[in-house]
Amino acid sequence: MVEYKFTDYFENEVLQKRPYLQKEWCIRVIENPIRVEEQENNRFRFFGAIEEIDNRVLRVITLEDKVTIHNAFPDRGFKL
């Protein structure tokens, strides 16, 4: 089983700005993404719908290892 990690930025900034976010949602998106995109600076974007927030799409950004979560937010502009 993969052990997910979280950057200090995620722990101290993201969760503070978005207290409704749950780490479990981020992990769920990474494990079952609708789409994955490589991003600049050796990061990856994972997109997934979260039932608990009315099936809104959550964008989760990881470092290049794809297990260290750096950022997450509802993606208002996501299009399949």
PDB file of N, CA and C in Angstrom:
ATOM      1  N   MET A   1       0.847  -1.189   0.000  1.00  0.00           N
ATOM      2  CA  MET A   1       0.000   0.000   0.000  1.00  0.00           C
ATOM      3  C   MET A   1       0.887   1.246   0.000  1.00  0.00           C
ATOM      4  N   VAL A   2       0.499   2.207  -0.793  1.00  0.00           N
ATOM      5  CA  VAL A   2       1.265   3.449  -0.916  1.00  0.00           C
ATOM      6  C   VAL A   2       1.054   4.307   0.326  1.00  0.00           C
ATOM      7  N   GLU A   3       2.142   4.875   0.819  1.00  0.00           N
ATOM      8  CA  GLU A   3       2.041   5.800   1.944  1.00  0.00           C
ATOM      9  C   GLU A   3       2.165   7.223   1.413  1.00  0.00           C
ATOM     10  N   TYR A   4       1.076   7.961   1.449  1.00  0.00           N
ATOM     11  CA  TYR A   4       1.053   9.324   0.930  1.00  0.00           C
ATOM     12  C   TYR A   4       1.643  10.285   1.944  1.00  0.00           C
ATOM     13  N   LYS A   5       2.294  11.323   1.422  1.00  0.00           N
ATOM     14  CA  LYS A   5       2.909  12.356   2.250  1.00  0.00           C
ATOM     15  C   LYS A   5       2.315  13.702   1.847  1.00  0.00           C
ATOM     16  N   PHE A   6       2.525  14.686   2.689  1.00  0.00           N
ATOM     17  CA  PHE A   6       1.998  16.025   2.444  1.00  0.00           C
ATOM     18  C   PHE A   6       3.104  17.037   2.702  1.00  0.00           C
ATOM     19  N   THR A   7       3.237  17.999   1.792  1.00  0.00           N
ATOM     20  CA  THR A   7       4.262  19.028   1.981  1.00  0.00           C
ATOM     21  C   THR A   7       3.859  19.952   3.124  1.00  0.00           C
ATOM     22  N   ASP A   8       4.847  20.673   3.637  1.00  0.00           N
ATOM     23  CA  ASP A   8       4.560  21.670   4.668  1.00  0.00           C
ATOM     24  C   ASP A   8       3.586  22.718   4.132  1.00  0.00           C
ATOM     25  N   TYR A   9       3.732  23.067   2.856  1.00  0.00           N
ATOM     26  CA  TYR A   9       2.819  24.036   2.239  1.00  0.00           C
ATOM     27  C   TYR A   9       1.377  23.527   2.331  1.00  0.00           C
ATOM     28  N   PHE A  10       1.171  22.256   2.002  1.00  0.00           N
ATOM     29  CA  PHE A  10      -0.184  21.701   2.070  1.00  0.00           C
ATOM     30  C   PHE A  10      -0.712  21.751   3.504  1.00  0.00           C
ATOM     31  N   GLU A  11       0.109  21.285   4.438  1.00  0.00           N
ATOM     32  CA  GLU A  11      -0.319  21.221   5.843  1.00  0.00           C
ATOM     33  C   GLU A  11      -0.603  22.608   6.430  1.00  0.00           C
ATOM     34  N   ASN A  12       0.254  23.575   6.119  1.00  0.00           N
ATOM     35  CA  ASN A  12       0.173  24.882   6.777  1.00  0.00           C
ATOM     36  C   ASN A  12      -0.596  25.944   6.016  1.00  0.00           C
ATOM     37  N   GLU A  13      -0.658  25.843   4.719  1.00  0.00           N
ATOM     38  CA  GLU A  13      -1.327  26.863   3.910  1.00  0.00           C
ATOM     39  C   GLU A  13      -2.649  26.366   3.323  1.00  0.00           C
ATOM     40  N   VAL A  14      -2.587  25.260   2.608  1.00  0.00           N
ATOM     41  CA  VAL A  14      -3.769  24.775   1.885  1.00  0.00           C
ATOM     42  C   VAL A  14      -4.894  24.410   2.852  1.00  0.00           C
ATOM     43  N   LEU A  15      -4.579  23.615   3.853  1.00  0.00           N
ATOM     44  CA  LEU A  15      -5.638  23.204   4.793  1.00  0.00           C
ATOM     45  C   LEU A  15      -6.159  24.378   5.611  1.00  0.00           C
ATOM     46  N   GLN A  16      -5.324  25.383   5.806  1.00  0.00           N
ATOM     47  CA  GLN A  16      -5.773  26.570   6.531  1.00  0.00           C
ATOM     48  C   GLN A  16      -6.719  27.407   5.661  1.00  0.00           C
ATOM     49  N   LYS A  17      -6.381  27.541   4.363  1.00  0.00           N
ATOM     50  CA  LYS A  17      -7.228  28.321   3.441  1.00  0.00           C
ATOM     51  C   LYS A  17      -8.522  27.580   3.097  1.00  0.00           C
ATOM     52  N   ARG A  18      -8.441  26.247   3.069  1.00  0.00           N
ATOM     53  CA  ARG A  18      -9.591  25.424   2.674  1.00  0.00           C
ATOM     54  C   ARG A  18      -9.859  24.356   3.736  1.00  0.00           C
ATOM     55  N   PRO A  19     -10.351  24.757   4.891  1.00  0.00           N
ATOM     56  CA  PRO A  19     -10.508  23.810   5.998  1.00  0.00           C
ATOM     57  C   PRO A  19     -11.500  22.682   5.722  1.00  0.00           C
ATOM     58  N   TYR A  20     -12.347  22.827   4.717  1.00  0.00           N
ATOM     59  CA  TYR A  20     -13.314  21.783   4.370  1.00  0.00           C
ATOM     60  C   TYR A  20     -12.652  20.602   3.655  1.00  0.00           C
ATOM     61  N   LEU A  21     -11.444  20.814   3.107  1.00  0.00           N
ATOM     62  CA  LEU A  21     -10.757  19.733   2.386  1.00  0.00           C
ATOM     63  C   LEU A  21     -10.362  18.620   3.338  1.00  0.00           C
ATOM     64  N   GLN A  22     -10.420  17.405   2.826  1.00  0.00           N
ATOM     65  CA  GLN A  22     -10.000  16.254   3.610  1.00  0.00           C
ATOM     66  C   GLN A  22      -8.872  15.541   2.866  1.00  0.00           C
ATOM     67  N   LYS A  23      -7.865  15.132   3.608  1.00  0.00           N
ATOM     68  CA  LYS A  23      -6.739  14.427   3.006  1.00  0.00           C
ATOM     69  C   LYS A  23      -7.201  13.170   2.279  1.00  0.00           C
ATOM     70  N   GLU A  24      -8.200  12.505   2.823  1.00  0.00           N
ATOM     71  CA  GLU A  24      -8.722  11.283   2.212  1.00  0.00           C
ATOM     72  C   GLU A  24      -9.251  11.548   0.803  1.00  0.00           C
ATOM     73  N   TRP A  25      -9.846  12.723   0.589  1.00  0.00           N
ATOM     74  CA  TRP A  25     -10.340  13.066  -0.747  1.00  0.00           C
ATOM     75  C   TRP A  25      -9.178  13.175  -1.722  1.00  0.00           C
ATOM     76  N   CYS A  26      -8.106  13.795  -1.287  1.00  0.00           N
ATOM     77  CA  CYS A  26      -6.924  13.958  -2.150  1.00  0.00           C
ATOM     78  C   CYS A  26      -6.368  12.594  -2.551  1.00  0.00           C
ATOM     79  N   ILE A  27      -6.278  11.704  -1.596  1.00  0.00           N
ATOM     80  CA  ILE A  27      -5.772  10.356  -1.875  1.00  0.00           C
ATOM     81  C   ILE A  27      -6.706   9.628  -2.827  1.00  0.00           C
ATOM     82  N   ARG A  28      -8.003   9.775  -2.624  1.00  0.00           N
ATOM     83  CA  ARG A  28      -8.989   9.132  -3.499  1.00  0.00           C
ATOM     84  C   ARG A  28      -8.837   9.617  -4.942  1.00  0.00           C
ATOM     85  N   VAL A  29      -8.613  10.916  -5.116  1.00  0.00           N
ATOM     86  CA  VAL A  29      -8.434  11.472  -6.465  1.00  0.00           C
ATOM     87  C   VAL A  29      -7.178  10.894  -7.113  1.00  0.00           C
ATOM     88  N   ILE A  30      -6.085  10.805  -6.369  1.00  0.00           N
ATOM     89  CA  ILE A  30      -4.846  10.255  -6.925  1.00  0.00           C
ATOM     90  C   ILE A  30      -5.015   8.788  -7.312  1.00  0.00           C
ATOM     91  N   GLU A  31      -5.738   8.047  -6.511  1.00  0.00           N
ATOM     92  CA  GLU A  31      -5.901   6.617  -6.775  1.00  0.00           C
ATOM     93  C   GLU A  31      -6.937   6.318  -7.851  1.00  0.00           C
ATOM     94  N   ASN A  32      -7.867   7.237  -8.089  1.00  0.00           N
ATOM     95  CA  ASN A  32      -8.933   7.029  -9.083  1.00  0.00           C
ATOM     96  C   ASN A  32      -9.180   8.303  -9.878  1.00  0.00           C
ATOM     97  N   PRO A  33      -8.196   8.776 -10.613  1.00  0.00           N
ATOM     98  CA  PRO A  33      -8.368  10.060 -11.307  1.00  0.00           C
ATOM     99  C   PRO A  33      -9.250   9.956 -12.550  1.00  0.00           C
ATOM    100  N   ILE A  34      -9.918  11.062 -12.848  1.00  0.00           N
ATOM    101  CA  ILE A  34     -10.615  11.207 -14.128  1.00  0.00           C
ATOM    102  C   ILE A  34      -9.577  11.497 -15.202  1.00  0.00           C
ATOM    103  N   ARG A  35      -8.563  12.298 -14.794  1.00  0.00           N
ATOM    104  CA  ARG A  35      -7.492  12.675 -15.725  1.00  0.00           C
ATOM    105  C   ARG A  35      -6.233  13.004 -14.926  1.00  0.00           C
ATOM    106  N   VAL A  36      -5.082  12.778 -15.557  1.00  0.00           N
ATOM    107  CA  VAL A  36      -3.781  13.125 -14.973  1.00  0.00           C
ATOM    108  C   VAL A  36      -3.021  13.914 -16.021  1.00  0.00           C
ATOM    109  N   GLU A  37      -2.384  14.999 -15.590  1.00  0.00           N
ATOM    110  CA  GLU A  37      -1.580  15.823 -16.498  1.00  0.00           C
ATOM    111  C   GLU A  37      -0.229  16.099 -15.860  1.00  0.00           C
ATOM    112  N   GLU A  38       0.813  16.051 -16.676  1.00  0.00           N
ATOM    113  CA  GLU A  38       2.123  16.474 -16.193  1.00  0.00           C
ATOM    114  C   GLU A  38       2.136  17.993 -16.188  1.00  0.00           C
ATOM    115  N   GLN A  39       2.716  18.558 -15.166  1.00  0.00           N
ATOM    116  CA  GLN A  39       2.763  20.007 -14.992  1.00  0.00           C
ATOM    117  C   GLN A  39       4.229  20.434 -14.997  1.00  0.00           C
ATOM    118  N   GLU A  40       4.467  21.703 -15.232  1.00  0.00           N
ATOM    119  CA  GLU A  40       5.830  22.216 -15.171  1.00  0.00           C
ATOM    120  C   GLU A  40       6.403  22.020 -13.766  1.00  0.00           C
ATOM    121  N   ASN A  41       7.706  22.141 -13.641  1.00  0.00           N
ATOM    122  CA  ASN A  41       8.405  22.000 -12.353  1.00  0.00           C
ATOM    123  C   ASN A  41       8.259  20.609 -11.740  1.00  0.00           C
ATOM    124  N   ASN A  42       8.189  19.585 -12.598  1.00  0.00           N
ATOM    125  CA  ASN A  42       8.150  18.196 -12.124  1.00  0.00           C
ATOM    126  C   ASN A  42       6.992  17.903 -11.175  1.00  0.00           C
ATOM    127  N   ARG A  43       5.830  18.408 -11.506  1.00  0.00           N
ATOM    128  CA  ARG A  43       4.631  18.147 -10.699  1.00  0.00           C
ATOM    129  C   ARG A  43       3.578  17.495 -11.577  1.00  0.00           C
ATOM    130  N   PHE A  44       2.577  16.930 -10.911  1.00  0.00           N
ATOM    131  CA  PHE A  44       1.487  16.285 -11.630  1.00  0.00           C
ATOM    132  C   PHE A  44       0.155  16.776 -11.096  1.00  0.00           C
ATOM    133  N   ARG A  45      -0.806  16.913 -12.010  1.00  0.00           N
ATOM    134  CA  ARG A  45      -2.179  17.302 -11.653  1.00  0.00           C
ATOM    135  C   ARG A  45      -3.062  16.067 -11.780  1.00  0.00           C
ATOM    136  N   PHE A  46      -3.837  15.809 -10.757  1.00  0.00           N
ATOM    137  CA  PHE A  46      -4.820  14.733 -10.763  1.00  0.00           C
ATOM    138  C   PHE A  46      -6.192  15.372 -10.585  1.00  0.00           C
ATOM    139  N   PHE A  47      -7.166  14.914 -11.346  1.00  0.00           N
ATOM    140  CA  PHE A  47      -8.520  15.446 -11.273  1.00  0.00           C
ATOM    141  C   PHE A  47      -9.482  14.317 -10.922  1.00  0.00           C
ATOM    142  N   GLY A  48     -10.412  14.587 -10.012  1.00  0.00           N
ATOM    143  CA  GLY A  48     -11.408  13.588  -9.664  1.00  0.00           C
ATOM    144  C   GLY A  48     -12.623  14.223  -9.025  1.00  0.00           C
ATOM    145  N   ALA A  49     -13.779  13.615  -9.260  1.00  0.00           N
ATOM    146  CA  ALA A  49     -15.034  14.111  -8.685  1.00  0.00           C
ATOM    147  C   ALA A  49     -15.164  13.614  -7.245  1.00  0.00           C
ATOM    148  N   ILE A  50     -15.612  14.507  -6.368  1.00  0.00           N
ATOM    149  CA  ILE A  50     -15.788  14.180  -4.954  1.00  0.00           C
ATOM    150  C   ILE A  50     -17.274  14.274  -4.611  1.00  0.00           C
ATOM    151  N   GLU A  51     -17.847  13.139  -4.287  1.00  0.00           N
ATOM    152  CA  GLU A  51     -19.279  13.060  -3.995  1.00  0.00           C
ATOM    153  C   GLU A  51     -19.679  13.972  -2.835  1.00  0.00           C
ATOM    154  N   GLU A  52     -18.825  14.054  -1.827  1.00  0.00           N
ATOM    155  CA  GLU A  52     -19.153  14.828  -0.623  1.00  0.00           C
ATOM    156  C   GLU A  52     -19.274  16.327  -0.866  1.00  0.00           C
ATOM    157  N   ILE A  53     -18.757  16.808  -1.977  1.00  0.00           N
ATOM    158  CA  ILE A  53     -18.908  18.240  -2.308  1.00  0.00           C
ATOM    159  C   ILE A  53     -19.676  18.372  -3.629  1.00  0.00           C
ATOM    160  N   ASP A  54     -20.788  17.642  -3.695  1.00  0.00           N
ATOM    161  CA  ASP A  54     -21.712  17.696  -4.834  1.00  0.00           C
ATOM    162  C   ASP A  54     -21.046  17.315  -6.151  1.00  0.00           C
ATOM    163  N   ASN A  55     -20.156  16.322  -6.099  1.00  0.00           N
ATOM    164  CA  ASN A  55     -19.450  15.813  -7.284  1.00  0.00           C
ATOM    165  C   ASN A  55     -18.632  16.871  -8.009  1.00  0.00           C
ATOM    166  N   ARG A  56     -18.235  17.891  -7.276  1.00  0.00           N
ATOM    167  CA  ARG A  56     -17.328  18.878  -7.876  1.00  0.00           C
ATOM    168  C   ARG A  56     -15.975  18.222  -8.100  1.00  0.00           C
ATOM    169  N   VAL A  57     -15.258  18.716  -9.089  1.00  0.00           N
ATOM    170  CA  VAL A  57     -13.957  18.150  -9.420  1.00  0.00           C
ATOM    171  C   VAL A  57     -12.883  18.783  -8.543  1.00  0.00           C
ATOM    172  N   LEU A  58     -12.096  17.922  -7.910  1.00  0.00           N
ATOM    173  CA  LEU A  58     -10.987  18.366  -7.082  1.00  0.00           C
ATOM    174  C   LEU A  58      -9.702  18.182  -7.875  1.00  0.00           C
ATOM    175  N   ARG A  59      -8.888  19.230  -7.936  1.00  0.00           N
ATOM    176  CA  ARG A  59      -7.572  19.129  -8.570  1.00  0.00           C
ATOM    177  C   ARG A  59      -6.551  18.956  -7.455  1.00  0.00           C
ATOM    178  N   VAL A  60      -5.758  17.906  -7.559  1.00  0.00           N
ATOM    179  CA  VAL A  60      -4.731  17.607  -6.572  1.00  0.00           C
ATOM    180  C   VAL A  60      -3.378  17.672  -7.272  1.00  0.00           C
ATOM    181  N   ILE A  61      -2.458  18.450  -6.714  1.00  0.00           N
ATOM    182  CA  ILE A  61      -1.116  18.606  -7.276  1.00  0.00           C
ATOM    183  C   ILE A  61      -0.142  17.817  -6.409  1.00  0.00           C
ATOM    184  N   THR A  62       0.655  16.973  -7.074  1.00  0.00           N
ATOM    185  CA  THR A  62       1.669  16.220  -6.349  1.00  0.00           C
ATOM    186  C   THR A  62       3.056  16.603  -6.856  1.00  0.00           C
ATOM    187  N   LEU A  63       4.053  16.250  -6.069  1.00  0.00           N
ATOM    188  CA  LEU A  63       5.425  16.371  -6.526  1.00  0.00           C
ATOM    189  C   LEU A  63       5.678  15.242  -7.525  1.00  0.00           C
ATOM    190  N   GLU A  64       6.863  15.178  -8.094  1.00  0.00           N
ATOM    191  CA  GLU A  64       7.147  14.217  -9.163  1.00  0.00           C
ATOM    192  C   GLU A  64       7.011  12.766  -8.733  1.00  0.00           C
ATOM    193  N   ASP A  65       7.082  12.485  -7.433  1.00  0.00           N
ATOM    194  CA  ASP A  65       6.946  11.099  -6.970  1.00  0.00           C
ATOM    195  C   ASP A  65       5.498  10.599  -7.003  1.00  0.00           C
ATOM    196  N   LYS A  66       4.564  11.496  -7.221  1.00  0.00           N
ATOM    197  CA  LYS A  66       3.125  11.214  -7.303  1.00  0.00           C
ATOM    198  C   LYS A  66       2.530  10.697  -5.993  1.00  0.00           C
ATOM    199  N   VAL A  67       3.249  10.826  -4.903  1.00  0.00           N
ATOM    200  CA  VAL A  67       2.720  10.435  -3.592  1.00  0.00           C
ATOM    201  C   VAL A  67       2.815  11.557  -2.563  1.00  0.00           C
ATOM    202  N   THR A  68       3.547  12.618  -2.894  1.00  0.00           N
ATOM    203  CA  THR A  68       3.645  13.763  -1.986  1.00  0.00           C
ATOM    204  C   THR A  68       2.687  14.838  -2.475  1.00  0.00           C
ATOM    205  N   ILE A  69       1.648  15.072  -1.695  1.00  0.00           N
ATOM    206  CA  ILE A  69       0.592  16.009  -2.073  1.00  0.00           C
ATOM    207  C   ILE A  69       1.003  17.419  -1.658  1.00  0.00           C
ATOM    208  N   HIS A  70       0.930  18.331  -2.643  1.00  0.00           N
ATOM    209  CA  HIS A  70       1.400  19.696  -2.432  1.00  0.00           C
ATOM    210  C   HIS A  70       0.264  20.718  -2.403  1.00  0.00           C
ATOM    211  N   ASN A  71      -0.800  20.494  -3.169  1.00  0.00           N
ATOM    212  CA  ASN A  71      -1.887  21.459  -3.245  1.00  0.00           C
ATOM    213  C   ASN A  71      -3.158  20.729  -3.655  1.00  0.00           C
ATOM    214  N   ALA A  72      -4.296  21.314  -3.339  1.00  0.00           N
ATOM    215  CA  ALA A  72      -5.591  20.760  -3.745  1.00  0.00           C
ATOM    216  C   ALA A  72      -6.643  21.853  -3.671  1.00  0.00           C
ATOM    217  N   PHE A  73      -7.547  21.832  -4.650  1.00  0.00           N
ATOM    218  CA  PHE A  73      -8.627  22.820  -4.661  1.00  0.00           C
ATOM    219  C   PHE A  73      -9.704  22.377  -5.645  1.00  0.00           C
ATOM    220  N   PRO A  74     -10.945  22.809  -5.416  1.00  0.00           N
ATOM    221  CA  PRO A  74     -12.001  22.535  -6.386  1.00  0.00           C
ATOM    222  C   PRO A  74     -11.670  23.258  -7.692  1.00  0.00           C
ATOM    223  N   ASP A  75     -11.788  22.552  -8.800  1.00  0.00           N
ATOM    224  CA  ASP A  75     -11.442  23.112 -10.100  1.00  0.00           C
ATOM    225  C   ASP A  75     -12.723  23.515 -10.823  1.00  0.00           C
ATOM    226  N   ARG A  76     -13.027  24.796 -10.776  1.00  0.00           N
ATOM    227  CA  ARG A  76     -14.261  25.306 -11.387  1.00  0.00           C
ATOM    228  C   ARG A  76     -14.248  25.218 -12.900  1.00  0.00           C
ATOM    229  N   GLY A  77     -13.075  25.231 -13.511  1.00  0.00           N
ATOM    230  CA  GLY A  77     -12.981  25.254 -14.964  1.00  0.00           C
ATOM    231  C   GLY A  77     -12.726  23.903 -15.601  1.00  0.00           C
ATOM    232  N   PHE A  78     -12.815  22.813 -14.840  1.00  0.00           N
ATOM    233  CA  PHE A  78     -12.505  21.496 -15.406  1.00  0.00           C
ATOM    234  C   PHE A  78     -13.501  21.108 -16.491  1.00  0.00           C
ATOM    235  N   LYS A  79     -12.952  20.631 -17.609  1.00  0.00           N
ATOM    236  CA  LYS A  79     -13.788  20.149 -18.717  1.00  0.00           C
ATOM    237  C   LYS A  79     -13.187  18.836 -19.217  1.00  0.00           C
ATOM    238  N   LEU A  80     -14.046  17.864 -19.427  1.00  0.00           N
ATOM    239  CA  LEU A  80     -13.564  16.567 -19.946  1.00  0.00           C
ATOM    240  C   LEU A  80     -13.125  16.673 -21.387  1.00  0.00           C
TER     241      LEU A  80
END
